[in-house]
Amino acid sequence: MTKPEDTPYSIADRRLIAETPELRVQILTLENHDEVPWHYHTVITDTFICLDGPMVISTRAPSAVHNLQPGDVFTIPPDVAHRVSGLEGSGCRFVIVQGVGTYDYFAVNS
């Protein structure tokens, strides 16, 4: 799996909770104007659990915007481009469960 510190973007905080070759659980914190930029994964599913929000997950194909409040859960299947941020540039904090499969990260132009 790609190590969290090897991703091509930086955010306020990233806490690794558990990791195996095919599954990773982290808590990510985004401060004002932080984002996880547009990207997709070819094998893994991303499951988001909002802890502090609101947070926004935007997707392409299908094109949609999903607003999550604390306690909300949202899942993105493989091959769906997505971007994560706080609502209107605010901060947020969430659990992300990534798996099952080998992690990959493919950036997508904005």
Protein backbone atom coordinates (compact mmCIF):
# COMPACT_ATOMS: atom_id res chain seq x y z
CA MET A 1 0.00 0.00 0.00
CA THR A 2 1.07 3.54 -0.62
CA LYS A 3 2.10 5.11 2.65
CA PRO A 4 -0.03 8.09 3.78
CA GLU A 5 3.00 10.37 3.70
CA ASP A 6 3.56 9.49 0.02
CA THR A 7 0.31 11.01 -1.21
CA PRO A 8 0.67 14.04 -3.54
CA TYR A 9 -1.15 16.46 -1.23
CA SER A 10 -0.89 17.60 2.37
CA ILE A 11 -3.58 18.01 5.02
CA ALA A 12 -3.66 19.13 8.65
CA ASP A 13 -3.45 15.67 10.22
CA ARG A 14 -3.50 12.01 9.26
CA ARG A 15 -3.66 9.33 11.96
CA LEU A 16 -3.16 5.73 10.88
CA ILE A 17 -5.41 3.46 12.98
CA ALA A 18 -4.83 0.09 11.32
CA GLU A 19 -3.22 -1.23 8.16
CA THR A 20 -2.85 -4.58 6.43
CA PRO A 21 -1.72 -5.23 2.85
CA GLU A 22 -5.37 -4.98 1.72
CA LEU A 23 -7.07 -2.65 4.21
CA ARG A 24 -6.30 0.71 5.82
CA VAL A 25 -8.20 2.75 8.42
CA GLN A 26 -7.24 6.37 9.09
CA ILE A 27 -8.60 9.51 10.71
CA LEU A 28 -8.03 12.54 8.47
CA THR A 29 -8.33 16.15 9.57
CA LEU A 30 -8.77 18.93 7.04
CA GLU A 31 -8.30 22.52 8.18
CA ASN A 32 -9.82 25.51 6.41
CA HIS A 33 -9.25 25.23 2.64
CA ASP A 34 -7.57 21.80 2.87
CA GLU A 35 -8.82 19.15 0.48
CA VAL A 36 -8.17 15.67 -0.75
CA PRO A 37 -7.99 16.55 -4.47
CA TRP A 38 -9.72 14.78 -7.34
CA HIS A 39 -8.55 11.18 -7.66
CA TYR A 40 -9.76 7.61 -7.98
CA HIS A 41 -8.73 4.07 -7.03
CA THR A 42 -8.92 1.06 -9.36
CA VAL A 43 -9.60 -1.69 -6.81
CA ILE A 44 -10.42 -0.34 -3.37
CA THR A 45 -13.60 1.15 -1.99
CA ASP A 46 -13.40 4.29 0.16
CA THR A 47 -15.85 4.43 3.07
CA PHE A 48 -16.08 7.80 4.84
CA ILE A 49 -17.49 8.34 8.34
CA CYS A 50 -17.89 12.03 9.21
CA LEU A 51 -16.70 12.84 12.75
CA ASP A 52 -16.67 16.66 12.63
CA GLY A 53 -18.24 18.51 9.77
CA PRO A 54 -20.02 19.20 7.69
CA MET A 55 -17.87 17.68 4.96
CA VAL A 56 -18.39 17.45 1.21
CA ILE A 57 -17.60 14.54 -1.09
CA SER A 58 -17.90 15.41 -4.77
CA THR A 59 -17.98 12.64 -7.38
CA ARG A 60 -17.79 12.36 -11.15
CA ALA A 61 -19.58 9.71 -13.20
CA PRO A 62 -21.97 10.02 -11.55
CA SER A 63 -21.58 13.75 -11.01
CA ALA A 64 -22.88 14.55 -7.53
CA VAL A 65 -22.18 16.45 -4.33
CA HIS A 66 -22.71 14.64 -1.01
CA ASN A 67 -22.86 16.68 2.20
CA LEU A 68 -22.11 14.64 5.31
CA GLN A 69 -22.89 15.60 8.89
CA PRO A 70 -21.25 13.99 11.93
CA GLY A 71 -22.25 10.32 12.04
CA ASP A 72 -23.06 10.10 8.31
CA VAL A 73 -21.40 7.36 6.25
CA PHE A 74 -20.75 7.41 2.50
CA THR A 75 -19.05 4.84 0.28
CA ILE A 76 -17.33 5.36 -3.07
CA PRO A 77 -16.69 2.30 -5.24
CA PRO A 78 -13.57 1.79 -7.36
CA ASP A 79 -13.11 3.85 -10.54
CA VAL A 80 -15.26 6.76 -9.34
CA ALA A 81 -13.31 10.03 -9.24
CA HIS A 82 -13.87 11.97 -6.03
CA ARG A 83 -12.74 15.00 -4.01
CA VAL A 84 -13.14 15.62 -0.26
CA SER A 85 -13.29 18.96 1.58
CA GLY A 86 -15.07 20.79 4.35
CA LEU A 87 -18.29 22.61 3.46
CA GLU A 88 -17.54 26.02 1.92
CA GLY A 89 -13.83 25.72 2.70
CA SER A 90 -14.25 24.97 6.40
CA GLY A 91 -12.44 22.18 8.21
CA CYS A 92 -13.68 18.66 8.88
CA ARG A 93 -12.53 15.36 10.38
CA PHE A 94 -13.45 11.87 9.24
CA VAL A 95 -12.60 8.19 9.38
CA ILE A 96 -11.70 6.62 6.05
CA VAL A 97 -11.71 2.86 5.54
CA GLN A 98 -9.90 1.84 2.34
CA GLY A 99 -10.08 -1.67 0.96
CA VAL A 100 -10.33 -4.48 0.26
CA GLY A 101 -7.41 -4.70 -2.15
CA THR A 102 -4.12 -3.06 -2.98
CA TYR A 103 -4.25 0.71 -2.54
CA ASP A 104 -3.54 2.93 -5.52
CA TYR A 105 -4.09 6.65 -6.18
CA PHE A 106 -4.64 8.21 -9.58
CA ALA A 107 -4.91 12.00 -9.72
CA VAL A 108 -7.59 13.53 -11.93
CA ASN A 109 -7.44 17.04 -13.42
CA SER A 110 -9.79 19.48 -11.68
